[in-house]
C-alpha atoms as a PDB file:
ATOM      1  CA  UNK A   1    -103.807  52.463-320.142  1.00  0.00           C
ATOM      2  CA  UNK A   2    -100.085  52.395-320.645  1.00  0.00           C
ATOM      3  CA  UNK A   3     -97.655  54.275-318.398  1.00  0.00           C
ATOM      4  CA  UNK A   4     -95.665  57.073-319.805  1.00  0.00           C
ATOM      5  CA  UNK A   5     -91.972  56.494-320.508  1.00  0.00           C
ATOM      6  CA  UNK A   6     -90.975  58.888-317.761  1.00  0.00           C
ATOM      7  CA  UNK A   7     -92.930  56.933-315.144  1.00  0.00           C
ATOM      8  CA  UNK A   8     -91.429  53.665-316.296  1.00  0.00           C
ATOM      9  CA  UNK A   9     -87.878  55.046-315.917  1.00  0.00           C
ATOM     10  CA  UNK A  10     -88.636  56.238-312.346  1.00  0.00           C
ATOM     11  CA  UNK A  11     -89.959  52.811-311.284  1.00  0.00           C
ATOM     12  CA  UNK A  12     -86.962  51.068-312.832  1.00  0.00           C
ATOM     13  CA  UNK A  13     -84.478  53.226-310.870  1.00  0.00           C
ATOM     14  CA  UNK A  14     -86.379  52.655-307.582  1.00  0.00           C
ATOM     15  CA  UNK A  15     -86.196  48.880-307.991  1.00  0.00           C
ATOM     16  CA  UNK A  16     -82.470  49.082-308.676  1.00  0.00           C
ATOM     17  CA  UNK A  17     -81.903  51.038-305.423  1.00  0.00           C
ATOM     18  CA  UNK A  18     -83.893  48.509-303.351  1.00  0.00           C
ATOM     19  CA  UNK A  19     -81.922  45.437-304.524  1.00  0.00           C
ATOM     20  CA  UNK A  20     -78.713  44.880-302.492  1.00  0.00           C
ATOM     21  CA  UNK A  21     -75.475  44.456-304.306  1.00  0.00           C
ATOM     22  CA  UNK A  22     -74.336  40.846-304.878  1.00  0.00           C
ATOM     23  CA  UNK A  23     -71.252  41.420-302.731  1.00  0.00           C
ATOM     24  CA  UNK A  24     -73.409  42.641-299.819  1.00  0.00           C
ATOM     25  CA  UNK A  25     -75.663  39.608-300.180  1.00  0.00           C
ATOM     26  CA  UNK A  26     -72.621  37.333-299.813  1.00  0.00           C
ATOM     27  CA  UNK A  27     -71.277  39.229-296.766  1.00  0.00           C
ATOM     28  CA  UNK A  28     -74.526  39.089-294.808  1.00  0.00           C
ATOM     29  CA  UNK A  29     -74.681  35.242-294.563  1.00  0.00           C
ATOM     30  CA  UNK A  30     -70.980  35.227-293.671  1.00  0.00           C
ATOM     31  CA  UNK A  31     -71.587  37.703-290.862  1.00  0.00           C
ATOM     32  CA  UNK A  32     -74.479  35.597-289.613  1.00  0.00           C
ATOM     33  CA  UNK A  33     -72.308  32.461-289.664  1.00  0.00           C
ATOM     34  CA  UNK A  34     -69.562  34.274-287.724  1.00  0.00           C
ATOM     35  CA  UNK A  35     -72.003  35.493-285.088  1.00  0.00           C
ATOM     36  CA  UNK A  36     -73.545  32.078-284.548  1.00  0.00           C
ATOM     37  CA  UNK A  37     -70.372  30.370-283.133  1.00  0.00           C
ATOM     38  CA  UNK A  38     -69.792  33.198-280.673  1.00  0.00           C
ATOM     39  CA  UNK A  39     -73.359  32.864-279.437  1.00  0.00           C
ATOM     40  CA  UNK A  40     -72.911  29.089-279.187  1.00  0.00           C
ATOM     41  CA  UNK A  41     -69.600  29.461-277.266  1.00  0.00           C
ATOM     42  CA  UNK A  42     -71.278  31.855-274.880  1.00  0.00           C
ATOM     43  CA  UNK A  43     -73.983  29.314-274.218  1.00  0.00           C
ATOM     44  CA  UNK A  44     -71.463  26.522-273.364  1.00  0.00           C
ATOM     45  CA  UNK A  45     -70.220  26.815-269.720  1.00  0.00           C
ATOM     46  CA  UNK A  46     -66.404  27.051-269.391  1.00  0.00           C
ATOM     47  CA  UNK A  47     -64.727  24.044-267.723  1.00  0.00           C
ATOM     48  CA  UNK A  48     -61.258  24.201-266.078  1.00  0.00           C
ATOM     49  CA  UNK A  49     -58.423  22.387-267.822  1.00  0.00           C
ATOM     50  CA  UNK A  50     -57.369  19.130-266.189  1.00  0.00           C
ATOM     51  CA  UNK A  51     -54.232  19.400-264.005  1.00  0.00           C
ATOM     52  CA  UNK A  52     -50.960  18.483-265.682  1.00  0.00           C
ATOM     53  CA  UNK A  53     -49.329  15.305-264.420  1.00  0.00           C
ATOM     54  CA  UNK A  54     -45.549  15.565-264.018  1.00  0.00           C
ATOM     55  CA  UNK A  55     -43.852  12.242-264.540  1.00  0.00           C
ATOM     56  CA  UNK A  56     -40.549  11.891-262.686  1.00  0.00           C
ATOM     57  CA  UNK A  57     -38.096   9.185-263.489  1.00  0.00           C
ATOM     58  CA  UNK A  58     -36.632   7.125-260.706  1.00  0.00           C
ATOM     59  CA  UNK A  59     -32.920   7.752-260.230  1.00  0.00           C
ATOM     60  CA  UNK A  60     -30.101   6.165-258.283  1.00  0.00           C
ATOM     61  CA  UNK A  61     -29.285   7.963-255.002  1.00  0.00           C
ATOM     62  CA  UNK A  62     -26.024   9.883-255.084  1.00  0.00           C
ATOM     63  CA  UNK A  63     -23.924   8.058-252.485  1.00  0.00           C
ATOM     64  CA  UNK A  64     -20.159   8.252-252.094  1.00  0.00           C
ATOM     65  CA  UNK A  65     -18.007   5.530-250.572  1.00  0.00           C
ATOM     66  CA  UNK A  66     -14.778   6.358-248.776  1.00  0.00           C
ATOM     67  CA  UNK A  67     -11.781   4.366-249.918  1.00  0.00           C
ATOM     68  CA  UNK A  68     -10.497   1.680-247.560  1.00  0.00           C
ATOM     69  CA  UNK A  69      -6.816   1.966-246.627  1.00  0.00           C
ATOM     70  CA  UNK A  70      -6.522  -0.974-244.236  1.00  0.00           C
ATOM     71  CA  UNK A  71      -6.376   1.120-241.058  1.00  0.00           C
ATOM     72  CA  UNK A  72     -10.064   1.637-240.286  1.00  0.00           C
ATOM     73  CA  UNK A  73     -12.682  -0.951-239.314  1.00  0.00           C
ATOM     74  CA  UNK A  74     -12.747  -3.654-241.974  1.00  0.00           C
ATOM     75  CA  UNK A  75     -16.135  -4.998-240.890  1.00  0.00           C
ATOM     76  CA  UNK A  76     -17.827  -1.599-240.953  1.00  0.00           C
ATOM     77  CA  UNK A  77     -16.340  -0.680-244.330  1.00  0.00           C
ATOM     78  CA  UNK A  78     -17.397  -3.946-245.944  1.00  0.00           C
ATOM     79  CA  UNK A  79     -20.970  -3.430-244.723  1.00  0.00           C
ATOM     80  CA  UNK A  80     -20.951   0.003-246.373  1.00  0.00           C
ATOM     81  CA  UNK A  81     -19.544  -1.477-249.573  1.00  0.00           C
ATOM     82  CA  UNK A  82     -22.338  -4.074-249.766  1.00  0.00           C
ATOM     83  CA  UNK A  83     -24.953  -1.361-249.210  1.00  0.00           C
ATOM     84  CA  UNK A  84     -23.279   0.779-251.886  1.00  0.00           C
ATOM     85  CA  UNK A  85     -23.382  -1.891-254.610  1.00  0.00           C
ATOM     86  CA  UNK A  86     -27.029  -2.609-253.800  1.00  0.00           C
ATOM     87  CA  UNK A  87     -27.951   1.067-254.155  1.00  0.00           C
ATOM     88  CA  UNK A  88     -26.082   1.170-257.467  1.00  0.00           C
ATOM     89  CA  UNK A  89     -27.894  -2.011-258.602  1.00  0.00           C
ATOM     90  CA  UNK A  90     -24.606  -3.675-259.483  1.00  0.00           C
ATOM     91  CA  UNK A  91     -24.326  -7.301-260.439  1.00  0.00           C
ATOM     92  CA  UNK A  92     -21.784  -9.524-258.689  1.00  0.00           C
ATOM     93  CA  UNK A  93     -19.364  -9.179-261.589  1.00  0.00           C
ATOM     94  CA  UNK A  94     -19.710  -5.390-261.595  1.00  0.00           C
ATOM     95  CA  UNK A  95     -19.100  -5.282-257.828  1.00  0.00           C
ATOM     96  CA  UNK A  96     -15.920  -7.328-258.185  1.00  0.00           C
ATOM     97  CA  UNK A  97     -14.637  -5.115-260.984  1.00  0.00           C
ATOM     98  CA  UNK A  98     -15.406  -1.882-259.109  1.00  0.00           C
ATOM     99  CA  UNK A  99     -13.931  -2.966-255.736  1.00  0.00           C
ATOM    100  CA  UNK A 100     -10.263  -2.066-256.479  1.00  0.00           C
ATOM    101  CA  UNK A 101     -11.319   1.508-257.320  1.00  0.00           C
ATOM    102  CA  UNK A 102     -12.404   1.905-253.669  1.00  0.00           C
ATOM    103  CA  UNK A 103      -9.179   0.543-252.167  1.00  0.00           C
ATOM    104  CA  UNK A 104      -6.003   2.476-251.493  1.00  0.00           C
ATOM    105  CA  UNK A 105      -2.633   1.967-249.855  1.00  0.00           C
ATOM    106  CA  UNK A 106      -2.074  -1.438-248.266  1.00  0.00           C
ATOM    107  CA  UNK A 107      -5.595  -2.583-249.174  1.00  0.00           C
ATOM    108  CA  UNK A 108      -5.053  -1.835-252.848  1.00  0.00           C
ATOM    109  CA  UNK A 109      -1.739  -3.702-252.820  1.00  0.00           C
ATOM    110  CA  UNK A 110      -3.393  -6.663-251.081  1.00  0.00           C
ATOM    111  CA  UNK A 111      -6.135  -6.922-253.704  1.00  0.00           C
ATOM    112  CA  UNK A 112      -3.545  -6.978-256.503  1.00  0.00           C
ATOM    113  CA  UNK A 113      -2.000 -10.131-254.983  1.00  0.00           C
ATOM    114  CA  UNK A 114      -5.271 -12.078-254.727  1.00  0.00           C
ATOM    115  CA  UNK A 115      -5.550 -15.182-256.854  1.00  0.00           C
ATOM    116  CA  UNK A 116      -8.241 -15.540-259.495  1.00  0.00           C
ATOM    117  CA  UNK A 117      -9.838 -18.205-257.325  1.00  0.00           C
ATOM    118  CA  UNK A 118     -10.187 -15.738-254.438  1.00  0.00           C
ATOM    119  CA  UNK A 119     -11.709 -13.187-256.835  1.00  0.00           C
ATOM    120  CA  UNK A 120     -14.246 -15.669-258.210  1.00  0.00           C
ATOM    121  CA  UNK A 121     -17.174 -14.318-256.170  1.00  0.00           C
ATOM    122  CA  UNK A 122     -18.094 -11.511-253.789  1.00  0.00           C
ATOM    123  CA  UNK A 123     -18.320 -14.000-250.922  1.00  0.00           C
ATOM    124  CA  UNK A 124     -14.802 -15.348-251.512  1.00  0.00           C
ATOM    125  CA  UNK A 125     -13.441 -11.794-251.615  1.00  0.00           C
ATOM    126  CA  UNK A 126     -15.286 -10.951-248.388  1.00  0.00           C
ATOM    127  CA  UNK A 127     -13.725 -13.918-246.613  1.00  0.00           C
ATOM    128  CA  UNK A 128     -10.242 -13.008-247.810  1.00  0.00           C
ATOM    129  CA  UNK A 129     -10.834  -9.354-246.934  1.00  0.00           C
ATOM    130  CA  UNK A 130     -11.820 -10.182-243.353  1.00  0.00           C
ATOM    131  CA  UNK A 131      -8.966 -12.643-242.934  1.00  0.00           C
ATOM    132  CA  UNK A 132      -6.501  -9.948-243.939  1.00  0.00           C
ATOM    133  CA  UNK A 133      -7.811  -6.811-242.224  1.00  0.00           C
ATOM    134  CA  UNK A 134      -9.972  -7.937-239.314  1.00  0.00           C
ATOM    135  CA  UNK A 135      -8.126  -7.907-235.951  1.00  0.00           C
ATOM    136  CA  UNK A 136      -6.883 -11.370-235.051  1.00  0.00           C
ATOM    137  CA  UNK A 137      -6.814 -10.819-231.286  1.00  0.00           C
ATOM    138  CA  UNK A 138     -10.012 -10.941-229.275  1.00  0.00           C
ATOM    139  CA  UNK A 139      -8.551  -8.393-226.849  1.00  0.00           C
ATOM    140  CA  UNK A 140      -8.263  -4.722-227.640  1.00  0.00           C
ATOM    141  CA  UNK A 141      -5.167  -3.519-225.826  1.00  0.00           C
ATOM    142  CA  UNK A 142      -5.684   0.050-227.069  1.00  0.00           C
ATOM    143  CA  UNK A 143      -8.527   0.463-224.588  1.00  0.00           C
ATOM    144  CA  UNK A 144      -6.078   0.115-221.706  1.00  0.00           C
ATOM    145  CA  UNK A 145      -4.162   3.274-222.663  1.00  0.00           C
ATOM    146  CA  UNK A 146      -6.775   5.513-224.292  1.00  0.00           C
ATOM    147  CA  UNK A 147      -6.906   9.015-222.783  1.00  0.00           C
ATOM    148  CA  UNK A 148      -9.122  12.039-223.350  1.00  0.00           C
ATOM    149  CA  UNK A 149      -7.415  14.930-225.101  1.00  0.00           C
ATOM    150  CA  UNK A 150      -7.118  18.351-223.496  1.00  0.00           C
ATOM    151  CA  UNK A 151      -9.504  19.895-226.053  1.00  0.00           C
ATOM    152  CA  UNK A 152     -11.572  16.755-226.702  1.00  0.00           C
ATOM    153  CA  UNK A 153     -15.212  16.825-225.599  1.00  0.00           C
ATOM    154  CA  UNK A 154     -16.808  14.030-223.615  1.00  0.00           C
ATOM    155  CA  UNK A 155     -19.010  12.976-226.545  1.00  0.00           C
ATOM    156  CA  UNK A 156     -16.044  12.869-228.936  1.00  0.00           C
ATOM    157  CA  UNK A 157     -13.974  10.868-226.469  1.00  0.00           C
ATOM    158  CA  UNK A 158     -16.712   8.294-225.854  1.00  0.00           C
ATOM    159  CA  UNK A 159     -17.235   7.969-229.606  1.00  0.00           C
ATOM    160  CA  UNK A 160     -13.505   7.415-230.131  1.00  0.00           C
ATOM    161  CA  UNK A 161     -13.376   4.733-227.463  1.00  0.00           C
ATOM    162  CA  UNK A 162     -16.519   3.019-228.759  1.00  0.00           C
ATOM    163  CA  UNK A 163     -15.144   2.973-232.309  1.00  0.00           C
ATOM    164  CA  UNK A 164     -12.241   0.855-231.074  1.00  0.00           C
ATOM    165  CA  UNK A 165     -14.676  -1.948-230.245  1.00  0.00           C
ATOM    166  CA  UNK A 166     -16.513  -2.195-233.588  1.00  0.00           C
ATOM    167  CA  UNK A 167     -14.495  -5.183-234.828  1.00  0.00           C
ATOM    168  CA  UNK A 168     -14.494  -7.012-231.489  1.00  0.00           C
ATOM    169  CA  UNK A 169     -17.401  -6.053-229.198  1.00  0.00           C
ATOM    170  CA  UNK A 170     -16.721  -6.173-225.470  1.00  0.00           C
ATOM    171  CA  UNK A 171     -18.884  -6.200-222.372  1.00  0.00           C
ATOM    172  CA  UNK A 172     -20.351  -2.795-221.489  1.00  0.00           C
ATOM    173  CA  UNK A 173     -18.827  -2.988-218.039  1.00  0.00           C
ATOM    174  CA  UNK A 174     -15.321  -3.112-219.507  1.00  0.00           C
ATOM    175  CA  UNK A 175     -16.174  -0.267-221.849  1.00  0.00           C
ATOM    176  CA  UNK A 176     -17.427   1.846-218.938  1.00  0.00           C
ATOM    177  CA  UNK A 177     -14.195   1.172-217.043  1.00  0.00           C
ATOM    178  CA  UNK A 178     -12.059   2.165-220.027  1.00  0.00           C
ATOM    179  CA  UNK A 179     -13.979   5.408-220.591  1.00  0.00           C
ATOM    180  CA  UNK A 180     -13.937   6.469-216.927  1.00  0.00           C
ATOM    181  CA  UNK A 181     -10.239   5.664-216.640  1.00  0.00           C
ATOM    182  CA  UNK A 182      -9.422   7.743-219.696  1.00  0.00           C
ATOM    183  CA  UNK A 183     -11.329  10.890-218.701  1.00  0.00           C
ATOM    184  CA  UNK A 184      -9.442  14.017-217.698  1.00  0.00           C
ATOM    185  CA  UNK A 185      -8.603  14.053-213.965  1.00  0.00           C
ATOM    186  CA  UNK A 186     -11.267  16.517-212.798  1.00  0.00           C
ATOM    187  CA  UNK A 187     -13.988  14.786-214.840  1.00  0.00           C
ATOM    188  CA  UNK A 188     -12.739  11.388-213.731  1.00  0.00           C
ATOM    189  CA  UNK A 189     -13.090  12.342-210.053  1.00  0.00           C
ATOM    190  CA  UNK A 190     -16.693  13.499-210.505  1.00  0.00           C
ATOM    191  CA  UNK A 191     -17.740  10.406-212.457  1.00  0.00           C
ATOM    192  CA  UNK A 192     -16.133   8.018-209.968  1.00  0.00           C
ATOM    193  CA  UNK A 193     -18.154   9.593-207.147  1.00  0.00           C
ATOM    194  CA  UNK A 194     -21.382   9.184-209.143  1.00  0.00           C
ATOM    195  CA  UNK A 195     -20.483   5.526-209.902  1.00  0.00           C
ATOM    196  CA  UNK A 196     -22.557   5.068-213.109  1.00  0.00           C
ATOM    197  CA  UNK A 197     -23.165   1.503-214.319  1.00  0.00           C
ATOM    198  CA  UNK A 198     -23.839   2.154-218.014  1.00  0.00           C
ATOM    199  CA  UNK A 199     -22.046   4.038-220.769  1.00  0.00           C
ATOM    200  CA  UNK A 200     -24.954   6.472-221.055  1.00  0.00           C
ATOM    201  CA  UNK A 201     -24.703   7.143-217.327  1.00  0.00           C
ATOM    202  CA  UNK A 202     -20.999   7.896-217.737  1.00  0.00           C
ATOM    203  CA  UNK A 203     -21.785  10.271-220.585  1.00  0.00           C
ATOM    204  CA  UNK A 204     -24.385  12.176-218.558  1.00  0.00           C
ATOM    205  CA  UNK A 205     -22.214  12.565-215.450  1.00  0.00           C
ATOM    206  CA  UNK A 206     -19.092  13.479-217.424  1.00  0.00           C
ATOM    207  CA  UNK A 207     -21.025  15.995-219.547  1.00  0.00           C
ATOM    208  CA  UNK A 208     -22.316  17.759-216.425  1.00  0.00           C
ATOM    209  CA  UNK A 209     -18.821  17.858-214.987  1.00  0.00           C
ATOM    210  CA  UNK A 210     -17.545  19.181-218.305  1.00  0.00           C
ATOM    211  CA  UNK A 211     -19.985  22.103-218.141  1.00  0.00           C
ATOM    212  CA  UNK A 212     -18.862  22.941-214.602  1.00  0.00           C
ATOM    213  CA  UNK A 213     -15.157  22.511-215.352  1.00  0.00           C
ATOM    214  CA  UNK A 214     -14.561  26.096-216.591  1.00  0.00           C
ATOM    215  CA  UNK A 215     -16.110  27.465-213.388  1.00  0.00           C
ATOM    216  CA  UNK A 216     -13.891  25.243-211.260  1.00  0.00           C
ATOM    217  CA  UNK A 217     -10.840  26.284-213.240  1.00  0.00           C
ATOM    218  CA  UNK A 218     -11.779  29.942-212.809  1.00  0.00           C
ATOM    219  CA  UNK A 219     -12.125  29.466-209.050  1.00  0.00           C
ATOM    220  CA  UNK A 220      -8.745  27.763-208.875  1.00  0.00           C
ATOM    221  CA  UNK A 221      -7.162  30.562-210.885  1.00  0.00           C
ATOM    222  CA  UNK A 222      -8.695  33.129-208.541  1.00  0.00           C
ATOM    223  CA  UNK A 223      -7.367  31.297-205.499  1.00  0.00           C
ATOM    224  CA  UNK A 224      -3.917  31.031-207.081  1.00  0.00           C
ATOM    225  CA  UNK A 225      -3.929  34.754-207.880  1.00  0.00           C
ATOM    226  CA  UNK A 226      -4.893  35.621-204.316  1.00  0.00           C
ATOM    227  CA  UNK A 227      -2.040  33.490-203.030  1.00  0.00           C
ATOM    228  CA  UNK A 228       0.428  35.190-205.353  1.00  0.00           C
ATOM    229  CA  UNK A 229      -0.803  38.625-204.266  1.00  0.00           C
ATOM    230  CA  UNK A 230      -0.378  37.685-200.617  1.00  0.00           C
ATOM    231  CA  UNK A 231       3.183  36.516-201.278  1.00  0.00           C
ATOM    232  CA  UNK A 232       4.032  39.741-203.115  1.00  0.00           C
ATOM    233  CA  UNK A 233       2.667  41.784-200.206  1.00  0.00           C
ATOM    234  CA  UNK A 234       4.761  39.758-197.806  1.00  0.00           C
ATOM    235  CA  UNK A 235       7.856  40.365-199.913  1.00  0.00           C
ATOM    236  CA  UNK A 236       7.206  44.088-199.856  1.00  0.00           C
ATOM    237  CA  UNK A 237       6.981  43.981-196.046  1.00  0.00           C
ATOM    238  CA  UNK A 238      10.078  41.779-195.736  1.00  0.00           C
ATOM    239  CA  UNK A 239      12.311  42.594-198.710  1.00  0.00           C
ATOM    240  CA  UNK A 240      15.177  40.380-197.494  1.00  0.00           C
ATOM    241  CA  UNK A 241      13.021  37.298-197.017  1.00  0.00           C
ATOM    242  CA  UNK A 242      12.979  34.514-199.586  1.00  0.00           C
ATOM    243  CA  UNK A 243       9.894  33.116-201.300  1.00  0.00           C
ATOM    244  CA  UNK A 244      10.356  29.759-199.620  1.00  0.00           C
ATOM    245  CA  UNK A 245      10.542  31.297-196.178  1.00  0.00           C
ATOM    246  CA  UNK A 246       7.410  33.343-196.849  1.00  0.00           C
ATOM    247  CA  UNK A 247       5.553  30.287-198.088  1.00  0.00           C
ATOM    248  CA  UNK A 248       6.462  28.402-194.925  1.00  0.00           C
ATOM    249  CA  UNK A 249       5.787  31.304-192.652  1.00  0.00           C
ATOM    250  CA  UNK A 250       2.252  30.283-191.839  1.00  0.00           C
ATOM    251  CA  UNK A 251       3.174  26.681-191.178  1.00  0.00           C
ATOM    252  CA  UNK A 252       6.356  27.339-189.215  1.00  0.00           C
ATOM    253  CA  UNK A 253       4.836  30.064-187.084  1.00  0.00           C
ATOM    254  CA  UNK A 254       4.485  28.917-183.491  1.00  0.00           C
ATOM    255  CA  UNK A 255       6.789  25.921-183.979  1.00  0.00           C
ATOM    256  CA  UNK A 256      10.046  26.509-182.095  1.00  0.00           C
ATOM    257  CA  UNK A 257      13.028  24.164-182.326  1.00  0.00           C
ATOM    258  CA  UNK A 258      13.481  21.815-179.358  1.00  0.00           C
ATOM    259  CA  UNK A 259      15.915  22.968-176.635  1.00  0.00           C
ATOM    260  CA  UNK A 260      19.528  21.884-177.030  1.00  0.00           C
ATOM    261  CA  UNK A 261      20.674  19.159-174.722  1.00  0.00           C
ATOM    262  CA  UNK A 262      23.901  19.512-172.660  1.00  0.00           C
ATOM    263  CA  UNK A 263      25.539  16.459-174.162  1.00  0.00           C
ATOM    264  CA  UNK A 264      25.151  17.699-177.759  1.00  0.00           C
ATOM    265  CA  UNK A 265      28.448  17.799-179.585  1.00  0.00           C
ATOM    266  CA  UNK A 266      29.514  20.304-182.119  1.00  0.00           C
ATOM    267  CA  UNK A 267      31.329  19.518-185.274  1.00  0.00           C
END
């Protein structure tokens, strides 16, 4: 039995509605492929990123060298110069070429007069440098007259005295004597009583006396002011008296001149 044409048209339209459009069929696999990676990423545990390694390049230390003028310690300056060229990784030729840029005054003029033979090596320059600027006398006569300044601290004074011995070291006993002798009078008196045997002992005793010095000065000022007040009071009581007579009043009181003898002559 054959279906009627009307029934066949109804079935044909139903089958058309059930079939998805070709574009929708292409989108569905694409959506499935996009969802699969997200599910896979969710399944993989997250791991922290490795720490970044910072690579630093080695660099030459920034060191400055004071120019030598011929008046400071030649031995100490040359030691600094040798350390400087080592830090700068200079070759011997580079050190020789750079040396005049760190000389000034008399030292610069001296280097200009050196022969090529003397400039042949760092060692030959060192020998010539020491021969010219190192003290020739083994005795340091400056130590005999060095004195502490009125505003100079004990530490600064000891450093100044010690710096005079860098080119020709002396026995510590002589250094102690020079420092004690050069201290200010009040500090000198305290240190002599303590009788220290080492330079550190001198520093400790002189530093303690230095701390007490303002108190002593204040006491002396107070005593001086009291004396001046007493003299002013005496002048007010005896307006015709002189300052010298008032100052001697306490010492002359009770001392009478000896009696005059009969055979004294008058002129």
